[in-house]
Protein backbone atom coordinates (compact mmCIF):
# COMPACT_ATOMS: atom_id res chain seq x y z
CA MET A 1 -72.49 -31.69 65.78
CA GLY A 2 -73.49 -28.72 67.91
CA PRO A 3 -74.18 -25.17 66.71
CA SER A 4 -70.71 -23.96 67.69
CA SER A 5 -69.05 -26.69 65.63
CA VAL A 6 -71.20 -25.87 62.62
CA ALA A 7 -70.34 -22.18 62.95
CA LEU A 8 -66.62 -22.97 63.16
CA LEU A 9 -66.86 -25.21 60.11
CA LEU A 10 -68.62 -22.52 58.09
CA ALA A 11 -66.04 -19.96 59.17
CA VAL A 12 -63.18 -22.15 58.01
CA ILE A 13 -64.86 -22.91 54.70
CA SER A 14 -65.57 -19.23 54.11
CA LEU A 15 -61.87 -18.48 54.54
CA THR A 16 -60.77 -21.24 52.19
CA ALA A 17 -59.86 -19.99 48.75
CA ALA A 18 -60.84 -22.37 45.99
CA LEU A 19 -57.91 -24.56 45.08
CA ASP A 20 -57.94 -23.34 41.49
CA ASN A 21 -54.19 -22.99 41.06
CA GLY A 22 -54.05 -24.50 37.60
CA MET A 23 -52.69 -27.82 38.82
CA LEU A 24 -53.72 -31.36 37.92
CA LYS A 25 -56.04 -30.41 35.07
CA THR A 26 -55.49 -34.01 33.99
CA PRO A 27 -55.16 -36.92 36.45
CA PRO A 28 -51.74 -37.06 38.13
CA MET A 29 -49.31 -39.75 37.01
CA GLY A 30 -46.36 -41.14 38.89
CA TRP A 31 -45.16 -43.63 41.46
CA MET A 32 -46.01 -44.12 45.16
CA ALA A 33 -44.35 -46.33 47.75
CA TRP A 34 -47.22 -47.67 49.81
CA GLU A 35 -48.81 -50.72 48.22
CA ARG A 36 -45.52 -52.36 47.26
CA PHE A 37 -43.18 -51.28 50.07
CA ARG A 38 -45.62 -50.55 52.94
CA CYS A 39 -43.83 -49.56 56.17
CA ASP A 40 -40.52 -51.35 55.67
CA ILE A 41 -38.18 -49.27 57.83
CA ASP A 42 -35.39 -51.87 58.15
CA CYS A 43 -32.67 -50.10 56.20
CA LYS A 44 -29.97 -52.14 57.93
CA ASP A 45 -31.06 -55.56 56.68
CA ASP A 46 -33.22 -54.49 53.70
CA PRO A 47 -31.51 -51.38 52.29
CA GLN A 48 -32.94 -51.85 48.78
CA ASN A 49 -36.58 -51.81 49.87
CA CYS A 50 -36.85 -49.76 53.04
CA ILE A 51 -38.66 -46.41 53.22
CA GLY A 52 -35.63 -44.18 52.87
CA GLU A 53 -34.08 -41.72 50.47
CA LYS A 54 -32.35 -44.43 48.40
CA LEU A 55 -35.70 -45.97 47.41
CA PHE A 56 -37.08 -42.66 46.18
CA ARG A 57 -33.88 -41.71 44.38
CA ASP A 58 -33.89 -45.12 42.68
CA MET A 59 -37.47 -44.68 41.52
CA ALA A 60 -36.76 -41.17 40.26
CA ASP A 61 -33.86 -42.55 38.23
CA ARG A 62 -36.05 -45.27 36.75
CA LEU A 63 -38.81 -42.81 35.80
CA VAL A 64 -36.31 -40.75 33.85
CA GLU A 65 -34.13 -43.47 32.36
CA ASP A 66 -36.77 -46.05 31.44
CA GLY A 67 -39.17 -43.84 29.48
CA TRP A 68 -41.80 -43.14 32.14
CA LYS A 69 -41.28 -39.40 32.49
CA GLU A 70 -41.79 -38.71 28.78
CA LEU A 71 -45.15 -40.50 28.98
CA GLY A 72 -46.32 -38.27 31.85
CA TYR A 73 -45.31 -40.23 34.96
CA GLU A 74 -43.79 -37.30 36.84
CA TYR A 75 -44.48 -37.69 40.59
CA VAL A 76 -42.33 -39.62 43.07
CA MET A 77 -44.49 -39.97 46.17
CA ILE A 78 -43.51 -40.77 49.74
CA ASP A 79 -46.26 -42.41 51.80
CA ASP A 80 -46.46 -43.24 55.52
CA CYS A 81 -43.51 -44.02 57.84
CA TRP A 82 -41.07 -41.34 56.64
CA THR A 83 -40.96 -39.21 59.79
CA SER A 84 -39.16 -39.36 63.08
CA MET A 85 -41.33 -40.28 66.01
CA GLN A 86 -40.95 -36.77 67.41
CA ARG A 87 -41.26 -33.29 65.93
CA ASP A 88 -38.23 -31.01 66.11
CA GLU A 89 -37.69 -28.21 68.62
CA GLN A 90 -39.68 -25.79 66.46
CA GLY A 91 -42.63 -28.20 66.33
CA ARG A 92 -42.00 -29.25 62.73
CA LEU A 93 -42.24 -32.73 61.27
CA GLN A 94 -38.83 -34.12 60.47
CA PRO A 95 -37.72 -37.15 58.46
CA ASP A 96 -36.13 -40.11 60.19
CA PRO A 97 -32.44 -39.11 60.15
CA SER A 98 -31.11 -42.62 59.64
CA ARG A 99 -33.30 -43.30 56.61
CA PHE A 100 -33.30 -39.77 55.14
CA PRO A 101 -29.86 -38.48 56.17
CA GLY A 102 -29.93 -35.71 53.57
CA GLY A 103 -33.40 -34.50 54.58
CA ILE A 104 -36.46 -33.99 52.40
CA ALA A 105 -35.28 -30.73 50.84
CA LYS A 106 -32.19 -32.45 49.43
CA LEU A 107 -34.32 -35.32 48.12
CA ALA A 108 -36.66 -32.80 46.49
CA ARG A 109 -33.70 -31.16 44.74
CA TYR A 110 -32.56 -34.53 43.44
CA ILE A 111 -36.03 -35.21 42.06
CA HIS A 112 -36.49 -31.70 40.64
CA ASP A 113 -33.09 -31.87 38.95
CA ARG A 114 -34.48 -34.78 36.93
CA GLY A 115 -37.57 -32.85 35.88
CA LEU A 116 -39.82 -34.72 38.32
CA LYS A 117 -41.99 -33.72 41.27
CA LEU A 118 -42.03 -34.87 44.89
CA GLY A 119 -45.11 -35.99 46.81
CA ILE A 120 -45.29 -36.46 50.58
CA TYR A 121 -47.73 -37.91 53.12
CA ALA A 122 -49.37 -36.59 56.27
CA ASP A 123 -52.43 -37.48 58.35
CA ILE A 124 -55.09 -35.21 59.81
CA GLY A 125 -55.31 -37.21 63.04
CA SER A 126 -53.21 -37.49 66.15
CA HIS A 127 -51.13 -40.14 64.39
CA THR A 128 -50.67 -41.50 60.90
CA CYS A 129 -52.16 -44.87 60.04
CA MET A 130 -48.87 -46.52 61.08
CA ARG A 131 -48.76 -44.41 64.27
CA TYR A 132 -46.16 -41.84 63.27
CA PRO A 133 -46.82 -38.20 64.27
CA GLY A 134 -50.01 -36.83 62.76
CA THR A 135 -51.02 -33.33 61.68
CA PRO A 136 -53.86 -32.32 64.01
CA LEU A 137 -55.66 -29.01 63.57
CA ASP A 138 -53.11 -26.95 65.49
CA LYS A 139 -50.22 -28.26 63.34
CA ILE A 140 -51.75 -27.81 59.88
CA VAL A 141 -50.28 -24.38 59.13
CA ILE A 142 -46.75 -25.20 60.26
CA ASP A 143 -46.77 -28.49 58.35
CA ALA A 144 -47.98 -26.82 55.15
CA GLN A 145 -45.22 -24.22 55.53
CA THR A 146 -42.64 -26.94 56.20
CA PHE A 147 -43.62 -28.94 53.12
CA ALA A 148 -43.47 -25.85 50.94
CA SER A 149 -40.04 -24.87 52.34
CA TRP A 150 -38.73 -28.31 51.41
CA GLY A 151 -39.96 -28.00 47.82
CA VAL A 152 -42.78 -30.54 48.06
CA ASP A 153 -45.14 -30.58 45.06
CA TYR A 154 -47.99 -32.82 46.27
CA LEU A 155 -49.55 -33.79 49.59
CA LYS A 156 -51.55 -36.91 50.36
CA PHE A 157 -53.52 -36.06 53.52
CA ASP A 158 -54.81 -39.21 55.19
CA GLY A 159 -57.46 -39.55 57.90
CA CYS A 160 -56.49 -42.15 60.49
CA TYR A 161 -56.94 -41.46 64.22
CA SER A 162 -59.35 -38.58 63.59
CA ASN A 163 -63.08 -37.93 63.69
CA PRO A 164 -65.69 -36.39 61.35
CA ILE A 165 -65.51 -32.94 62.94
CA GLU A 166 -61.74 -32.87 62.56
CA HIS A 167 -62.21 -33.91 58.91
CA MET A 168 -64.69 -31.10 58.25
CA LEU A 169 -62.42 -28.53 59.82
CA GLY A 170 -59.01 -29.86 58.88
CA TYR A 171 -59.30 -30.69 55.19
CA PRO A 172 -60.45 -27.17 54.21
CA LEU A 173 -57.90 -25.65 56.60
CA MET A 174 -55.05 -27.56 54.96
CA SER A 175 -56.23 -26.35 51.56
CA LYS A 176 -56.09 -22.76 52.80
CA ALA A 177 -52.69 -23.32 54.41
CA LEU A 178 -51.21 -24.84 51.25
CA ASN A 179 -52.53 -21.94 49.17
CA ALA A 180 -51.06 -19.46 51.64
CA THR A 181 -47.54 -20.84 51.15
CA GLY A 182 -47.51 -19.50 47.59
CA ARG A 183 -46.08 -22.79 46.32
CA PRO A 184 -48.25 -24.83 43.90
CA ILE A 185 -48.88 -28.08 45.75
CA GLY A 186 -51.25 -30.79 44.54
CA TYR A 187 -53.66 -31.79 47.29
CA SER A 188 -55.03 -35.31 47.68
CA CYS A 189 -57.71 -35.66 50.37
CA SER A 190 -58.65 -38.97 51.98
CA TRP A 191 -61.75 -37.42 53.57
CA PRO A 192 -64.44 -39.31 51.58
CA ALA A 193 -62.89 -42.71 52.31
CA TYR A 194 -63.40 -42.13 56.03
CA GLU A 195 -67.03 -41.00 55.63
CA GLY A 196 -68.39 -43.82 53.48
CA GLY A 197 -67.56 -42.16 50.16
CA LEU A 198 -71.11 -41.09 49.30
CA PRO A 199 -73.61 -38.27 49.84
CA PRO A 200 -75.02 -37.02 52.14
CA ASN A 201 -71.96 -37.71 54.30
CA VAL A 202 -69.65 -36.57 51.51
CA ASN A 203 -70.10 -33.19 49.82
CA TYR A 204 -68.39 -33.54 46.45
CA SER A 205 -69.07 -29.93 45.50
CA LEU A 206 -67.07 -28.78 48.52
CA LEU A 207 -64.33 -31.32 47.84
CA GLY A 208 -63.96 -30.00 44.32
CA GLU A 209 -63.35 -26.54 45.73
CA ILE A 210 -60.63 -27.54 48.19
CA CYS A 211 -58.91 -30.68 46.82
CA HIS A 212 -57.44 -31.74 43.48
CA LEU A 213 -58.28 -35.39 44.07
CA TRP A 214 -59.66 -37.58 46.81
CA ARG A 215 -59.68 -41.19 47.90
CA ASN A 216 -63.27 -42.43 47.87
CA TYR A 217 -63.05 -46.02 49.03
CA ASP A 218 -60.92 -48.77 50.60
CA ASP A 219 -57.19 -49.17 50.03
CA ILE A 220 -56.24 -51.39 47.12
CA GLN A 221 -54.53 -54.68 47.89
CA ASP A 222 -52.37 -56.82 45.63
CA SER A 223 -55.16 -59.04 44.33
CA TRP A 224 -57.72 -59.23 41.55
CA ASP A 225 -60.47 -59.52 44.19
CA SER A 226 -59.48 -56.11 45.51
CA VAL A 227 -59.45 -54.56 42.03
CA GLN A 228 -62.88 -56.04 41.29
CA ASP A 229 -64.26 -54.77 44.59
CA ILE A 230 -63.11 -51.22 43.83
CA ILE A 231 -64.42 -51.33 40.26
CA GLY A 232 -67.78 -52.66 41.44
CA TRP A 233 -68.15 -49.97 44.10
CA PHE A 234 -67.34 -47.17 41.66
CA ALA A 235 -69.74 -48.57 39.05
CA ASN A 236 -72.57 -49.15 41.52
CA ASN A 237 -72.25 -45.57 42.78
CA GLN A 238 -71.37 -43.85 39.52
CA ASP A 239 -74.39 -41.55 39.58
CA ASP A 240 -72.88 -39.82 42.63
CA LEU A 241 -69.22 -40.16 41.69
CA GLN A 242 -69.00 -39.56 37.94
CA PRO A 243 -70.35 -35.95 37.96
CA ALA A 244 -67.87 -34.99 40.69
CA ALA A 245 -64.84 -35.58 38.46
CA GLY A 246 -63.35 -33.09 36.03
CA PRO A 247 -60.21 -31.07 35.37
CA GLY A 248 -58.48 -30.41 38.68
CA ARG A 249 -60.93 -32.57 40.70
CA TRP A 250 -60.56 -36.33 40.45
CA ASN A 251 -61.97 -39.44 42.07
CA ASP A 252 -59.10 -41.72 43.13
CA PRO A 253 -59.70 -45.49 43.19
CA ASP A 254 -56.13 -45.92 44.50
CA MET A 255 -52.86 -47.18 43.07
CA LEU A 256 -51.99 -49.27 40.04
CA ILE A 257 -50.64 -52.61 41.30
CA ILE A 258 -49.49 -53.80 37.86
CA GLY A 259 -46.08 -55.44 38.06
CA ASN A 260 -46.50 -56.86 41.55
CA PHE A 261 -47.66 -60.38 42.44
CA GLY A 262 -51.45 -60.47 42.50
CA LEU A 263 -52.57 -59.90 38.89
CA SER A 264 -52.30 -62.00 35.77
CA VAL A 265 -51.35 -60.24 32.55
CA HIS A 266 -55.01 -60.11 31.48
CA GLN A 267 -56.07 -58.74 34.88
CA ALA A 268 -53.30 -56.13 34.73
CA ARG A 269 -54.54 -55.00 31.32
CA SER A 270 -58.04 -54.72 32.77
CA GLN A 271 -56.90 -52.52 35.65
CA MET A 272 -55.00 -50.21 33.32
CA ALA A 273 -57.93 -49.95 30.91
CA LEU A 274 -60.49 -49.30 33.62
CA TRP A 275 -58.36 -46.73 35.45
CA ALA A 276 -57.86 -44.96 32.11
CA ILE A 277 -61.60 -44.93 31.42
CA MET A 278 -62.39 -43.73 34.95
CA ALA A 279 -60.08 -40.70 34.56
CA ALA A 280 -58.28 -42.02 37.63
CA PRO A 281 -54.82 -40.96 38.80
CA LEU A 282 -52.24 -43.29 37.26
CA ILE A 283 -50.08 -43.75 40.33
CA MET A 284 -48.04 -46.95 40.18
CA SER A 285 -46.94 -48.80 43.30
CA ASN A 286 -44.48 -51.43 42.18
CA ASP A 287 -40.74 -51.94 41.89
CA LEU A 288 -39.66 -50.12 38.74
CA ARG A 289 -36.18 -51.60 39.14
CA ASN A 290 -37.49 -55.12 38.54
CA LEU A 291 -40.47 -54.73 36.23
CA ASP A 292 -41.09 -57.40 33.63
CA ASN A 293 -41.69 -56.52 30.00
CA SER A 294 -45.42 -57.29 30.03
CA ALA A 295 -46.08 -55.00 33.01
CA ARG A 296 -43.97 -52.27 31.45
CA ALA A 297 -45.85 -52.54 28.15
CA ILE A 298 -49.22 -52.28 29.92
CA LEU A 299 -48.26 -49.29 32.05
CA GLN A 300 -46.60 -47.51 29.12
CA ASN A 301 -49.51 -48.10 26.72
CA LYS A 302 -49.80 -44.76 24.96
CA MET A 303 -53.43 -45.22 23.95
CA ALA A 304 -54.56 -45.92 27.51
CA ILE A 305 -52.56 -42.94 28.78
CA THR A 306 -54.02 -40.67 26.10
CA ILE A 307 -57.56 -41.69 27.08
CA ASN A 308 -56.79 -41.09 30.74
CA GLN A 309 -55.20 -37.70 30.05
CA ASP A 310 -58.03 -36.38 27.87
CA PRO A 311 -58.24 -32.66 28.77
CA LEU A 312 -62.04 -32.85 28.91
CA GLY A 313 -61.66 -34.91 32.09
CA ILE A 314 -64.89 -36.89 31.73
CA GLN A 315 -65.03 -39.99 33.90
CA GLY A 316 -66.43 -43.02 32.10
CA ARG A 317 -69.57 -44.85 33.14
CA ARG A 318 -70.60 -48.50 33.20
CA LEU A 319 -73.30 -48.93 30.56
CA LEU A 320 -73.95 -52.66 30.88
CA GLN A 321 -73.28 -55.17 33.64
CA VAL A 322 -72.80 -58.75 32.46
């Protein structure tokens, strides 16, 4: 990085107000589409499972009617593949009209009317990971304003098709832009996951000033091997990671896959227990419409949730490896 890039970075950071808006003082809880439903956009032949407004309305209904909301699961989160392939005439992101015919603002009202909150997805690069329109540096302000105007409550800001300089400029700039909207919006940064997750490439002090939570490592997959890999990485690097966590600033080992296909009941209990101990976001990615009783009991375990939601916000540590 040349001197001019460093100067620009420092200028952006100096203009970025700390993201201390009182949000996410405990790890966020809710539901996210990605791990279970991926980029299924075939609403003609797979209307129950495609990335469209029906899926998110269904999950909002389940959170309210099946006892999740009262336990703290309050976010319904859209991930990749929700947009049209082109921005509108004003340069704004827009949802795919065939899959979100009512628009995002109407979906947000539906979710808010049920006492829940809406999360949405964007990417700092030229494209999202699935090659939908990204949010490069010159689009950050308009996208933050658009999300706020729709009533969005949470943004996951991914990092595909971008580079380290764009990360260093764009993630603080989005924090500033979200703050400037005047709407409280939780901010999840994927920055560390694209820079190896560890110092010196990752500055966790800075992250704690601009983001509420951040993805540190690889995406979770629907397998016990994937869960073990994530747990091992967090434990092996806990001296760097554990001090970074606290109220309003969380490490995110990725979604809970309990209730899908890859975990036994014992393995599902282990993921829930370890995510609770790690003060991790409890963001499920499963089909709440077809959840068996064992998965429901694990995910609704009040003791595990209470440990996770401890207001002290201390991330647990591995004391012994056997």
